[in-house]
Amino acid sequence: MQKQFPEVRTSLGHVAVVDDDASVRRSLANLLEQTGYRVDCFDSAQAYLDKSPVVDVILLDMRMPKLSGVNLQEKIKNNNLYTSIVFISGDSRPDEIIKAMKQGAIDFLLKPFTAQTVLEVLAKAIQTSVQNSSLSAKNARVSDMLKRLTPRELEVCHWVVRGYSNQQISLLDGAAASTIKLHRARVMEKMEVDSLPELIDLLTGVDINITPRSVLSLTPLAQD
């Protein structure tokens, strides 16, 4: 007789519900857990901060005693966390909603809302969180790579990804084109890429400022 193993259910994501209304916390937790999410509930913004769990999405009440939802959002943003935030509220001022959206909230749900609405918004928020997490990991990886470059290699990298040829770069700092070519080869090696398109793709969307010693306006030419 073949042994039967229990079905392993993969979580759709980790969600924190932050609301001072116990009934709201309970109903949302039941809905999300039955759907397949892992859920942690908190009765205040401070309770969330005290534990600071790593979650994918926060379903966050706007109006709570002491620390409001927008205040919590601001603290999370200041800590450079990439958790997606969806606000839920039964009574909010337009300025609160505007501030929440400007600070990166994914959506704003007014109570009462349907289960389907919550699940649809949550799915979108989870996707955004995954993308943000992926970008964060890429930023960290590329940042480590850039630290391998010398100041001169970093400057050459700056011009190379902007379409400047070795000859053009040599005109910027007076170095011979052959020297620039050598720096360029070292950049490619340290950044672990085999071509210019790969290097451009690696640095696209990365929040890293590469500042050369001199900034001159030249028209990019074909690569040499």
C-alpha atoms as a PDB file:
ATOM      1  CA  MET A   1       0.000   0.000   0.000  1.00  0.00           C
ATOM      2  CA  GLN A   2       1.456   3.372  -1.032  1.00  0.00           C
ATOM      3  CA  LYS A   3       2.046   5.763   1.833  1.00  0.00           C
ATOM      4  CA  GLN A   4      -0.020   8.947   1.652  1.00  0.00           C
ATOM      5  CA  PHE A   5       1.702  12.233   2.417  1.00  0.00           C
ATOM      6  CA  PRO A   6      -0.153  15.390   3.450  1.00  0.00           C
ATOM      7  CA  GLU A   7      -0.460  18.042   0.764  1.00  0.00           C
ATOM      8  CA  VAL A   8       2.039  20.849   1.211  1.00  0.00           C
ATOM      9  CA  ARG A   9       0.444  24.227   0.516  1.00  0.00           C
ATOM     10  CA  THR A  10       2.772  26.974  -0.597  1.00  0.00           C
ATOM     11  CA  SER A  11       2.056  30.393   0.909  1.00  0.00           C
ATOM     12  CA  LEU A  12       1.010  33.092  -1.530  1.00  0.00           C
ATOM     13  CA  GLY A  13       2.907  35.629   0.565  1.00  0.00           C
ATOM     14  CA  HIS A  14       3.313  37.072   4.040  1.00  0.00           C
ATOM     15  CA  VAL A  15       0.843  39.790   5.032  1.00  0.00           C
ATOM     16  CA  ALA A  16       0.650  41.997   8.129  1.00  0.00           C
ATOM     17  CA  VAL A  17      -2.749  43.365   9.129  1.00  0.00           C
ATOM     18  CA  VAL A  18      -2.392  46.503  11.256  1.00  0.00           C
ATOM     19  CA  ASP A  19      -5.757  47.732  12.563  1.00  0.00           C
ATOM     20  CA  ASP A  20      -7.052  48.701  16.009  1.00  0.00           C
ATOM     21  CA  ASP A  21     -10.437  47.072  15.249  1.00  0.00           C
ATOM     22  CA  ALA A  22     -10.323  43.446  16.411  1.00  0.00           C
ATOM     23  CA  SER A  23     -13.224  42.416  14.158  1.00  0.00           C
ATOM     24  CA  VAL A  24     -11.427  43.762  11.075  1.00  0.00           C
ATOM     25  CA  ARG A  25      -8.219  41.961  12.025  1.00  0.00           C
ATOM     26  CA  ARG A  26     -10.092  38.721  12.603  1.00  0.00           C
ATOM     27  CA  SER A  27     -12.114  38.804   9.367  1.00  0.00           C
ATOM     28  CA  LEU A  28      -9.121  39.745   7.210  1.00  0.00           C
ATOM     29  CA  ALA A  29      -6.937  37.102   8.847  1.00  0.00           C
ATOM     30  CA  ASN A  30      -9.574  34.415   8.231  1.00  0.00           C
ATOM     31  CA  LEU A  31     -10.030  35.446   4.601  1.00  0.00           C
ATOM     32  CA  LEU A  32      -6.331  35.630   3.795  1.00  0.00           C
ATOM     33  CA  GLU A  33      -5.346  32.442   5.610  1.00  0.00           C
ATOM     34  CA  GLN A  34      -8.107  30.496   3.840  1.00  0.00           C
ATOM     35  CA  THR A  35      -6.884  31.923   0.529  1.00  0.00           C
ATOM     36  CA  GLY A  36      -3.321  30.805   1.188  1.00  0.00           C
ATOM     37  CA  TYR A  37      -1.527  33.771   2.727  1.00  0.00           C
ATOM     38  CA  ARG A  38       0.543  33.764   5.895  1.00  0.00           C
ATOM     39  CA  VAL A  39      -0.871  36.455   8.197  1.00  0.00           C
ATOM     40  CA  ASP A  40       0.320  38.349  11.288  1.00  0.00           C
ATOM     41  CA  CYS A  41      -2.026  40.794  13.033  1.00  0.00           C
ATOM     42  CA  PHE A  42      -1.194  43.898  15.070  1.00  0.00           C
ATOM     43  CA  ASP A  43      -3.560  46.156  16.998  1.00  0.00           C
ATOM     44  CA  SER A  44      -1.449  49.309  16.583  1.00  0.00           C
ATOM     45  CA  ALA A  45       1.339  50.807  14.520  1.00  0.00           C
ATOM     46  CA  GLN A  46       3.641  50.668  17.537  1.00  0.00           C
ATOM     47  CA  ALA A  47       2.932  46.954  18.005  1.00  0.00           C
ATOM     48  CA  TYR A  48       4.051  46.413  14.423  1.00  0.00           C
ATOM     49  CA  LEU A  49       7.209  48.483  14.941  1.00  0.00           C
ATOM     50  CA  ASP A  50       8.052  46.614  18.141  1.00  0.00           C
ATOM     51  CA  LYS A  51       8.172  43.334  16.241  1.00  0.00           C
ATOM     52  CA  SER A  52       9.149  44.699  12.798  1.00  0.00           C
ATOM     53  CA  PRO A  53       8.325  41.493  10.908  1.00  0.00           C
ATOM     54  CA  VAL A  54       9.606  40.975   7.380  1.00  0.00           C
ATOM     55  CA  VAL A  55       6.439  40.812   5.296  1.00  0.00           C
ATOM     56  CA  ASP A  56       5.468  41.266   1.668  1.00  0.00           C
ATOM     57  CA  VAL A  57       2.450  43.511   2.216  1.00  0.00           C
ATOM     58  CA  ILE A  58       0.937  45.541   5.053  1.00  0.00           C
ATOM     59  CA  LEU A  59      -2.819  46.060   5.133  1.00  0.00           C
ATOM     60  CA  LEU A  60      -2.719  49.239   7.149  1.00  0.00           C
ATOM     61  CA  ASP A  61      -5.526  51.144   8.866  1.00  0.00           C
ATOM     62  CA  MET A  62      -5.289  54.893   8.387  1.00  0.00           C
ATOM     63  CA  ARG A  63      -6.790  56.077  11.674  1.00  0.00           C
ATOM     64  CA  MET A  64      -5.346  54.544  14.854  1.00  0.00           C
ATOM     65  CA  PRO A  65      -4.590  55.941  18.330  1.00  0.00           C
ATOM     66  CA  LYS A  66      -1.187  57.594  18.825  1.00  0.00           C
ATOM     67  CA  LEU A  67       0.729  56.540  15.696  1.00  0.00           C
ATOM     68  CA  SER A  68      -1.369  56.785  12.523  1.00  0.00           C
ATOM     69  CA  GLY A  69      -1.085  54.624   9.446  1.00  0.00           C
ATOM     70  CA  VAL A  70       0.621  57.404   7.480  1.00  0.00           C
ATOM     71  CA  ASN A  71       3.114  57.880  10.329  1.00  0.00           C
ATOM     72  CA  LEU A  72       3.959  54.176  10.230  1.00  0.00           C
ATOM     73  CA  GLN A  73       4.301  54.302   6.450  1.00  0.00           C
ATOM     74  CA  GLU A  74       6.748  57.192   6.783  1.00  0.00           C
ATOM     75  CA  LYS A  75       8.883  55.290   9.294  1.00  0.00           C
ATOM     76  CA  ILE A  76       8.993  52.231   7.056  1.00  0.00           C
ATOM     77  CA  LYS A  77       9.913  54.397   4.068  1.00  0.00           C
ATOM     78  CA  ASN A  78      12.710  56.084   6.046  1.00  0.00           C
ATOM     79  CA  ASN A  79      14.157  52.676   6.862  1.00  0.00           C
ATOM     80  CA  ASN A  80      14.370  51.899   3.142  1.00  0.00           C
ATOM     81  CA  LEU A  81      12.110  48.874   3.421  1.00  0.00           C
ATOM     82  CA  TYR A  82      10.482  47.566   0.260  1.00  0.00           C
ATOM     83  CA  THR A  83       7.276  46.254   1.791  1.00  0.00           C
ATOM     84  CA  SER A  84       4.144  47.168  -0.193  1.00  0.00           C
ATOM     85  CA  ILE A  85       1.438  49.036   1.737  1.00  0.00           C
ATOM     86  CA  VAL A  86      -2.310  48.990   1.116  1.00  0.00           C
ATOM     87  CA  PHE A  87      -4.355  51.376   3.261  1.00  0.00           C
ATOM     88  CA  ILE A  88      -7.768  50.478   4.641  1.00  0.00           C
ATOM     89  CA  SER A  89      -9.969  53.044   6.310  1.00  0.00           C
ATOM     90  CA  GLY A  90     -13.526  53.954   7.107  1.00  0.00           C
ATOM     91  CA  ASP A  91     -12.860  57.665   7.524  1.00  0.00           C
ATOM     92  CA  SER A  92      -9.916  59.533   6.007  1.00  0.00           C
ATOM     93  CA  ARG A  93      -9.279  63.101   4.952  1.00  0.00           C
ATOM     94  CA  PRO A  94      -8.278  63.816   1.346  1.00  0.00           C
ATOM     95  CA  ASP A  95      -4.894  65.158   2.486  1.00  0.00           C
ATOM     96  CA  GLU A  96      -4.181  61.873   4.296  1.00  0.00           C
ATOM     97  CA  ILE A  97      -5.002  59.850   1.202  1.00  0.00           C
ATOM     98  CA  ILE A  98      -2.857  62.097  -0.988  1.00  0.00           C
ATOM     99  CA  LYS A  99       0.105  61.862   1.382  1.00  0.00           C
ATOM    100  CA  ALA A 100      -0.233  58.080   1.602  1.00  0.00           C
ATOM    101  CA  MET A 101      -0.220  57.716  -2.184  1.00  0.00           C
ATOM    102  CA  LYS A 102       2.708  60.118  -2.574  1.00  0.00           C
ATOM    103  CA  GLN A 103       4.653  57.994  -0.089  1.00  0.00           C
ATOM    104  CA  GLY A 104       4.167  54.968  -2.310  1.00  0.00           C
ATOM    105  CA  ALA A 105       0.984  53.263  -1.136  1.00  0.00           C
ATOM    106  CA  ILE A 106      -0.207  50.638  -3.619  1.00  0.00           C
ATOM    107  CA  ASP A 107      -3.900  51.322  -3.104  1.00  0.00           C
ATOM    108  CA  PHE A 108      -6.498  52.717  -0.706  1.00  0.00           C
ATOM    109  CA  LEU A 109      -9.565  50.696   0.282  1.00  0.00           C
ATOM    110  CA  LEU A 110     -12.530  52.345   1.958  1.00  0.00           C
ATOM    111  CA  LYS A 111     -14.493  50.288   4.486  1.00  0.00           C
ATOM    112  CA  PRO A 112     -16.641  48.382   3.918  1.00  0.00           C
ATOM    113  CA  PHE A 113     -14.921  46.552   1.055  1.00  0.00           C
ATOM    114  CA  THR A 114     -15.572  43.159  -0.503  1.00  0.00           C
ATOM    115  CA  ALA A 115     -13.380  40.095  -0.112  1.00  0.00           C
ATOM    116  CA  GLN A 116     -12.811  40.044  -3.880  1.00  0.00           C
ATOM    117  CA  THR A 117     -11.572  43.637  -3.848  1.00  0.00           C
ATOM    118  CA  VAL A 118      -9.090  42.890  -1.072  1.00  0.00           C
ATOM    119  CA  LEU A 119      -7.748  39.805  -2.842  1.00  0.00           C
ATOM    120  CA  GLU A 120      -7.341  41.621  -6.160  1.00  0.00           C
ATOM    121  CA  VAL A 121      -5.495  44.547  -4.592  1.00  0.00           C
ATOM    122  CA  LEU A 122      -3.395  42.224  -2.459  1.00  0.00           C
ATOM    123  CA  ALA A 123      -2.303  40.202  -5.507  1.00  0.00           C
ATOM    124  CA  LYS A 124      -1.128  43.432  -7.155  1.00  0.00           C
ATOM    125  CA  ALA A 125       0.679  44.495  -3.974  1.00  0.00           C
ATOM    126  CA  ILE A 126       2.439  41.126  -3.680  1.00  0.00           C
ATOM    127  CA  GLN A 127       3.667  41.437  -7.263  1.00  0.00           C
ATOM    128  CA  THR A 128       4.994  44.931  -6.561  1.00  0.00           C
ATOM    129  CA  SER A 129       6.725  43.706  -3.412  1.00  0.00           C
ATOM    130  CA  VAL A 130       8.426  40.882  -5.327  1.00  0.00           C
ATOM    131  CA  GLN A 131       9.617  43.345  -7.972  1.00  0.00           C
ATOM    132  CA  ASN A 132      10.910  45.749  -5.320  1.00  0.00           C
ATOM    133  CA  SER A 133      12.696  42.939  -3.514  1.00  0.00           C
ATOM    134  CA  SER A 134      14.285  41.788  -6.762  1.00  0.00           C
ATOM    135  CA  LEU A 135      15.430  45.325  -7.554  1.00  0.00           C
ATOM    136  CA  SER A 136      16.823  45.705  -4.042  1.00  0.00           C
ATOM    137  CA  ALA A 137      18.828  42.494  -4.428  1.00  0.00           C
ATOM    138  CA  LYS A 138      20.097  43.686  -7.813  1.00  0.00           C
ATOM    139  CA  ASN A 139      21.111  47.063  -6.343  1.00  0.00           C
ATOM    140  CA  ALA A 140      23.067  45.341  -3.577  1.00  0.00           C
ATOM    141  CA  ARG A 141      24.806  43.005  -6.039  1.00  0.00           C
ATOM    142  CA  VAL A 142      25.716  45.787  -8.480  1.00  0.00           C
ATOM    143  CA  SER A 143      26.833  48.047  -5.624  1.00  0.00           C
ATOM    144  CA  ASP A 144      29.284  45.356  -4.512  1.00  0.00           C
ATOM    145  CA  MET A 145      30.551  45.021  -8.071  1.00  0.00           C
ATOM    146  CA  LEU A 146      31.043  48.771  -8.457  1.00  0.00           C
ATOM    147  CA  LYS A 147      33.119  48.819  -5.275  1.00  0.00           C
ATOM    148  CA  ARG A 148      35.658  46.655  -7.113  1.00  0.00           C
ATOM    149  CA  LEU A 149      36.292  49.440  -9.628  1.00  0.00           C
ATOM    150  CA  THR A 150      39.021  51.996  -9.146  1.00  0.00           C
ATOM    151  CA  PRO A 151      38.036  55.689  -9.411  1.00  0.00           C
ATOM    152  CA  ARG A 152      39.380  55.768 -12.995  1.00  0.00           C
ATOM    153  CA  GLU A 153      37.504  52.594 -13.947  1.00  0.00           C
ATOM    154  CA  LEU A 154      34.347  54.005 -12.403  1.00  0.00           C
ATOM    155  CA  GLU A 155      34.698  57.138 -14.509  1.00  0.00           C
ATOM    156  CA  VAL A 156      35.266  55.118 -17.671  1.00  0.00           C
ATOM    157  CA  CYS A 157      32.218  53.021 -16.784  1.00  0.00           C
ATOM    158  CA  HIS A 158      30.168  56.217 -16.523  1.00  0.00           C
ATOM    159  CA  TRP A 159      31.023  57.273 -20.060  1.00  0.00           C
ATOM    160  CA  VAL A 160      30.898  53.798 -21.608  1.00  0.00           C
ATOM    161  CA  VAL A 161      27.295  53.116 -20.562  1.00  0.00           C
ATOM    162  CA  ARG A 162      26.321  56.497 -22.017  1.00  0.00           C
ATOM    163  CA  GLY A 163      27.564  55.508 -25.471  1.00  0.00           C
ATOM    164  CA  TYR A 164      30.946  57.229 -25.615  1.00  0.00           C
ATOM    165  CA  SER A 165      33.731  55.599 -27.615  1.00  0.00           C
ATOM    166  CA  ASN A 166      37.228  54.989 -26.290  1.00  0.00           C
ATOM    167  CA  GLN A 167      38.473  57.888 -28.402  1.00  0.00           C
ATOM    168  CA  GLN A 168      35.841  60.257 -27.023  1.00  0.00           C
ATOM    169  CA  ILE A 169      36.590  59.246 -23.442  1.00  0.00           C
ATOM    170  CA  SER A 170      40.291  59.837 -24.039  1.00  0.00           C
ATOM    171  CA  LEU A 171      39.466  63.402 -25.058  1.00  0.00           C
ATOM    172  CA  LEU A 172      37.700  63.930 -21.739  1.00  0.00           C
ATOM    173  CA  ASP A 173      40.698  63.247 -19.504  1.00  0.00           C
ATOM    174  CA  GLY A 174      43.707  63.326 -21.801  1.00  0.00           C
ATOM    175  CA  ALA A 175      44.530  59.620 -21.494  1.00  0.00           C
ATOM    176  CA  ALA A 176      45.448  57.618 -24.573  1.00  0.00           C
ATOM    177  CA  ALA A 177      42.667  55.653 -26.235  1.00  0.00           C
ATOM    178  CA  SER A 178      44.680  52.467 -25.602  1.00  0.00           C
ATOM    179  CA  THR A 179      44.656  53.248 -21.855  1.00  0.00           C
ATOM    180  CA  ILE A 180      40.906  53.799 -21.929  1.00  0.00           C
ATOM    181  CA  LYS A 181      40.517  50.492 -23.749  1.00  0.00           C
ATOM    182  CA  LEU A 182      42.416  48.769 -20.940  1.00  0.00           C
ATOM    183  CA  HIS A 183      40.256  50.413 -18.261  1.00  0.00           C
ATOM    184  CA  ARG A 184      37.169  49.430 -20.216  1.00  0.00           C
ATOM    185  CA  ALA A 185      38.260  45.796 -20.361  1.00  0.00           C
ATOM    186  CA  ARG A 186      38.817  45.791 -16.600  1.00  0.00           C
ATOM    187  CA  VAL A 187      35.371  47.298 -16.038  1.00  0.00           C
ATOM    188  CA  MET A 188      33.778  44.518 -18.074  1.00  0.00           C
ATOM    189  CA  GLU A 189      35.730  41.878 -16.167  1.00  0.00           C
ATOM    190  CA  LYS A 190      34.939  43.247 -12.701  1.00  0.00           C
ATOM    191  CA  MET A 191      31.275  43.776 -13.566  1.00  0.00           C
ATOM    192  CA  GLU A 192      31.147  40.178 -14.856  1.00  0.00           C
ATOM    193  CA  VAL A 193      29.737  41.004 -18.285  1.00  0.00           C
ATOM    194  CA  ASP A 194      30.887  40.134 -21.797  1.00  0.00           C
ATOM    195  CA  SER A 195      29.387  42.995 -23.795  1.00  0.00           C
ATOM    196  CA  LEU A 196      28.319  46.616 -23.589  1.00  0.00           C
ATOM    197  CA  PRO A 197      24.583  45.752 -23.850  1.00  0.00           C
ATOM    198  CA  GLU A 198      25.007  43.444 -20.834  1.00  0.00           C
ATOM    199  CA  LEU A 199      26.713  46.214 -18.866  1.00  0.00           C
ATOM    200  CA  ILE A 200      23.975  48.714 -19.749  1.00  0.00           C
ATOM    201  CA  ASP A 201      21.294  46.206 -18.782  1.00  0.00           C
ATOM    202  CA  LEU A 202      23.056  45.498 -15.483  1.00  0.00           C
ATOM    203  CA  LEU A 203      23.160  49.189 -14.561  1.00  0.00           C
ATOM    204  CA  THR A 204      19.664  50.053 -15.818  1.00  0.00           C
ATOM    205  CA  GLY A 205      17.350  50.953 -12.949  1.00  0.00           C
ATOM    206  CA  VAL A 206      20.114  50.734 -10.369  1.00  0.00           C
ATOM    207  CA  ASP A 207      20.018  53.614  -7.891  1.00  0.00           C
ATOM    208  CA  ILE A 208      23.758  54.278  -7.932  1.00  0.00           C
ATOM    209  CA  ASN A 209      25.254  57.629  -8.836  1.00  0.00           C
ATOM    210  CA  ILE A 210      28.401  57.429 -10.962  1.00  0.00           C
ATOM    211  CA  THR A 211      29.978  60.878 -11.014  1.00  0.00           C
ATOM    212  CA  PRO A 212      32.991  61.490 -13.277  1.00  0.00           C
ATOM    213  CA  ARG A 213      35.691  64.028 -12.495  1.00  0.00           C
ATOM    214  CA  SER A 214      34.810  66.119 -15.532  1.00  0.00           C
ATOM    215  CA  VAL A 215      31.456  66.505 -17.231  1.00  0.00           C
ATOM    216  CA  LEU A 216      31.625  67.596 -20.852  1.00  0.00           C
ATOM    217  CA  SER A 217      28.865  67.560 -23.447  1.00  0.00           C
ATOM    218  CA  LEU A 218      29.788  65.319 -26.335  1.00  0.00           C
ATOM    219  CA  THR A 219      27.620  63.567 -28.902  1.00  0.00           C
ATOM    220  CA  PRO A 220      27.932  59.784 -28.502  1.00  0.00           C
ATOM    221  CA  LEU A 221      29.452  58.068 -31.530  1.00  0.00           C
ATOM    222  CA  ALA A 222      29.538  54.464 -32.638  1.00  0.00           C
ATOM    223  CA  GLN A 223      31.424  52.111 -30.313  1.00  0.00           C
ATOM    224  CA  ASP A 224      34.995  51.192 -31.242  1.00  0.00           C
END
